[in-house]
Amino acid sequence: MNRKELVEQIFAKKSFLCVGLDTDIKKVPEHLTKQYEKTEDIIFAFNKAIIDATAPYCVSYKPNLAFYESMGLAGMIAFDKTITYLNEHYPHHFIIADAKRGDIGNTSKMYARTFFEEYKLDALTVAPYMGEDSVKPFLEYEGKWVILLALTSNKGSHDFQLTEDKDGQRLFEKVLTKSQEWGNDENMMYVVGATQGSMFTDIRKCAPNHFLLVPGVGAQGGSLQEVCKYGIIKDCGLLVNSSRGIIYASNGEDFAETAGIKAKELQEQMAEELAKLS
């Protein structure tokens, strides 16, 4: 999916919601664990129900690989089944693998092959710490996106990301400016945590036109309105992710219905923000 297609989906659905499929076997509703015997079937049944309930209200899904890798082979089978289902039934949704890969060039080539050729995903989160040659293999795929970690929402982000060099440039600003020598706003996005608030102003000074993937709205305390106040641009330029606040809104048999309600609530708020752009 290229930028034009993504923007068209955002304004057609009046939503820039990304639903995080951070599926934890220990948090799946009990009735599913009784209904299915295999872990991969439990996880896929949960994901499928969440996807079907939330698809009308979002433009993107973001499975977090850690949640699937933690279950070994069964988890990866569930991941594969989930991606296959999305590709077959929801081809107009933007699919992100939240894998935070980042290694030397040859290894990155294998990661790129895994997620872009094998799973046919649209985007992958990448850690930029090892520099240009660790990122460029992902940028060789036409129509695919790299989403670089820039300014994250966790407490430890202050340990490195906000440190300044002798010229007063903070590390996250250096990541933003340097990485634009490798890619552009048609194939590169940045992760910026929703809890960063007015820091979005500084992000936009360095990356005025790039899409931002914004986790942390909802359960982590980030404000959608504040993100939009400082971060939204004329073609939106945002994908706001919500995981726990949607997929675990209920642990009963109504879990999917409740997830759909929560997604719709966010979509309605997003529609209001998008209306301000016209």
Foldseek 3Di string as FASTA:
>chain_A
DWPVLLLVVCVVLLALEEEELLDALVQAFPVLCVVDPAPLSSSLVLLVLQCVLAVSQHQEYEYEVVRLVVVPPSSVSNVLSNLVCCVVPPVRHAYEYADQAFDAQVVLLVVLCCCCVVSVHQEYEYEQVVHDSRPQSNVVDPRHAYEYEQQEDDPCSVVQQQDADPVGDGNSLCCLQVCCVRDHQGHYEYEHELVVQLCLQVVCVSVVRHAYEYEQPDPNDGDPVSCLVRHQDLSGSYRYYDYCVQQSVDSHPCSSVSSSVSSNVNSVVSSVSNVVSD
